[in-house]
Structures are given as C-alpha cells and as structure tokens.
Amino acid sequence: MIIVINVINILFRIYSYIILARIFLSWLPVDHANPIVNFIYRVTEPILAPF
C-alpha cells in the first residue's frame, strides 16, 4: 500500500512541475508548434481550462 501512495505522490509532483512549466511558458514568447510545448499545453489544459 505504501508503494501505491508513493507512486501517486510522485505523479502529482510531476504534474505540478508540468503546470509550473506552463506558467513559465505563458510569460515567454514560445513556438506552439514545438512538440514539448505542445505536450505541456495538452496535458495541462483539462485542469487549467476552467480558470
């Protein structure tokens, strides 16, 4: 059970870092055709769209 909790904790931490990356990218002029930028926007859009 501890392993499952640790894995979930790690996934939430990674997702938090991805959201922080999107926040930083919103301050910079970026190319949205870049695959990394596109991935970050696609992954975070379901959570950030309501805001």
N, C-alpha and C. Protein backbone atom coordinates (compact mmCIF):
# COMPACT_ATOMS: atom_id res chain seq x y z
N MET A 1 0.81 -1.19 0.00
CA MET A 1 0.00 0.00 0.00
C MET A 1 0.86 1.26 0.00
N ILE A 2 1.96 1.22 0.70
CA ILE A 2 2.86 2.37 0.74
C ILE A 2 3.41 2.66 -0.65
N ILE A 3 3.67 1.63 -1.42
CA ILE A 3 4.21 1.82 -2.76
C ILE A 3 3.20 2.56 -3.64
N VAL A 4 1.94 2.21 -3.53
CA VAL A 4 0.90 2.88 -4.32
C VAL A 4 0.81 4.35 -3.93
N ILE A 5 0.86 4.64 -2.67
CA ILE A 5 0.81 6.02 -2.21
C ILE A 5 2.02 6.80 -2.70
N ASN A 6 3.19 6.19 -2.67
CA ASN A 6 4.40 6.86 -3.16
C ASN A 6 4.33 7.12 -4.65
N VAL A 7 3.80 6.19 -5.41
CA VAL A 7 3.68 6.37 -6.86
C VAL A 7 2.70 7.51 -7.16
N ILE A 8 1.57 7.54 -6.47
CA ILE A 8 0.61 8.62 -6.66
C ILE A 8 1.22 9.97 -6.28
N ASN A 9 1.97 9.99 -5.21
CA ASN A 9 2.64 11.22 -4.78
C ASN A 9 3.64 11.70 -5.84
N ILE A 10 4.39 10.79 -6.41
CA ILE A 10 5.35 11.15 -7.45
C ILE A 10 4.63 11.68 -8.69
N LEU A 11 3.52 11.05 -9.07
CA LEU A 11 2.76 11.52 -10.24
C LEU A 11 2.20 12.92 -10.02
N PHE A 12 1.69 13.18 -8.82
CA PHE A 12 1.21 14.53 -8.53
C PHE A 12 2.34 15.55 -8.55
N ARG A 13 3.49 15.17 -8.06
CA ARG A 13 4.64 16.08 -8.06
C ARG A 13 5.07 16.39 -9.49
N ILE A 14 5.13 15.38 -10.35
CA ILE A 14 5.49 15.60 -11.75
C ILE A 14 4.47 16.50 -12.42
N TYR A 15 3.19 16.26 -12.16
CA TYR A 15 2.14 17.09 -12.76
C TYR A 15 2.25 18.54 -12.27
N SER A 16 2.61 18.73 -11.02
CA SER A 16 2.81 20.08 -10.50
C SER A 16 3.94 20.79 -11.23
N TYR A 17 5.01 20.06 -11.50
CA TYR A 17 6.13 20.65 -12.23
C TYR A 17 5.73 20.99 -13.67
N ILE A 18 4.90 20.18 -14.27
CA ILE A 18 4.43 20.46 -15.63
C ILE A 18 3.55 21.71 -15.62
N ILE A 19 2.72 21.87 -14.61
CA ILE A 19 1.90 23.09 -14.50
C ILE A 19 2.78 24.32 -14.29
N LEU A 20 3.81 24.19 -13.49
CA LEU A 20 4.76 25.30 -13.32
C LEU A 20 5.46 25.64 -14.63
N ALA A 21 5.81 24.63 -15.40
CA ALA A 21 6.42 24.87 -16.71
C ALA A 21 5.47 25.65 -17.61
N ARG A 22 4.19 25.30 -17.57
CA ARG A 22 3.23 26.03 -18.40
C ARG A 22 3.10 27.47 -17.94
N ILE A 23 3.14 27.70 -16.64
CA ILE A 23 3.07 29.07 -16.14
C ILE A 23 4.27 29.87 -16.65
N PHE A 24 5.45 29.29 -16.57
CA PHE A 24 6.63 29.99 -17.07
C PHE A 24 6.56 30.20 -18.58
N LEU A 25 6.04 29.22 -19.31
CA LEU A 25 5.91 29.37 -20.75
C LEU A 25 4.92 30.46 -21.13
N SER A 26 3.94 30.71 -20.28
CA SER A 26 2.97 31.76 -20.60
C SER A 26 3.61 33.15 -20.52
N TRP A 27 4.72 33.26 -19.84
CA TRP A 27 5.41 34.55 -19.74
C TRP A 27 6.37 34.79 -20.89
N LEU A 28 6.69 33.76 -21.64
CA LEU A 28 7.69 33.85 -22.71
C LEU A 28 7.04 33.69 -24.07
N PRO A 29 7.64 34.32 -25.07
CA PRO A 29 7.15 34.06 -26.44
C PRO A 29 7.67 32.71 -26.92
N VAL A 30 6.80 31.74 -27.04
CA VAL A 30 7.20 30.39 -27.43
C VAL A 30 6.52 29.99 -28.72
N ASP A 31 7.12 29.03 -29.39
CA ASP A 31 6.55 28.46 -30.60
C ASP A 31 5.65 27.30 -30.20
N HIS A 32 4.36 27.44 -30.44
CA HIS A 32 3.42 26.40 -30.04
C HIS A 32 3.49 25.17 -30.94
N ALA A 33 4.28 25.22 -31.98
CA ALA A 33 4.48 24.04 -32.83
C ALA A 33 5.57 23.13 -32.26
N ASN A 34 6.30 23.62 -31.26
CA ASN A 34 7.32 22.82 -30.61
C ASN A 34 6.65 21.63 -29.91
N PRO A 35 7.14 20.41 -30.12
CA PRO A 35 6.49 19.23 -29.52
C PRO A 35 6.45 19.25 -27.99
N ILE A 36 7.47 19.78 -27.36
CA ILE A 36 7.49 19.82 -25.89
C ILE A 36 6.45 20.82 -25.38
N VAL A 37 6.40 21.98 -25.99
CA VAL A 37 5.42 23.00 -25.60
C VAL A 37 4.01 22.48 -25.87
N ASN A 38 3.83 21.84 -26.99
CA ASN A 38 2.53 21.28 -27.34
C ASN A 38 2.10 20.23 -26.32
N PHE A 39 3.03 19.36 -25.90
CA PHE A 39 2.74 18.34 -24.90
C PHE A 39 2.33 18.98 -23.57
N ILE A 40 3.07 19.99 -23.14
CA ILE A 40 2.76 20.66 -21.87
C ILE A 40 1.37 21.28 -21.92
N TYR A 41 1.03 21.93 -23.01
CA TYR A 41 -0.28 22.55 -23.12
C TYR A 41 -1.39 21.50 -23.18
N ARG A 42 -1.17 20.39 -23.90
CA ARG A 42 -2.20 19.35 -23.99
C ARG A 42 -2.44 18.67 -22.65
N VAL A 43 -1.38 18.45 -21.87
CA VAL A 43 -1.51 17.73 -20.60
C VAL A 43 -2.17 18.62 -19.55
N THR A 44 -1.87 19.90 -19.56
CA THR A 44 -2.37 20.78 -18.50
C THR A 44 -3.70 21.45 -18.85
N GLU A 45 -4.10 21.40 -20.08
CA GLU A 45 -5.33 22.10 -20.49
C GLU A 45 -6.58 21.60 -19.75
N PRO A 46 -6.79 20.31 -19.53
CA PRO A 46 -8.00 19.90 -18.83
C PRO A 46 -8.14 20.48 -17.41
N ILE A 47 -7.04 20.71 -16.74
CA ILE A 47 -7.09 21.26 -15.39
C ILE A 47 -7.18 22.78 -15.41
N LEU A 48 -6.46 23.42 -16.32
CA LEU A 48 -6.40 24.88 -16.32
C LEU A 48 -7.49 25.55 -17.17
N ALA A 49 -8.18 24.80 -17.99
CA ALA A 49 -9.21 25.41 -18.86
C ALA A 49 -10.31 26.12 -18.08
N PRO A 50 -10.80 25.57 -16.97
CA PRO A 50 -11.86 26.29 -16.24
C PRO A 50 -11.41 27.64 -15.68
N PHE A 51 -10.11 27.81 -15.47
CA PHE A 51 -9.64 29.06 -14.90
C PHE A 51 -9.35 30.06 -15.98
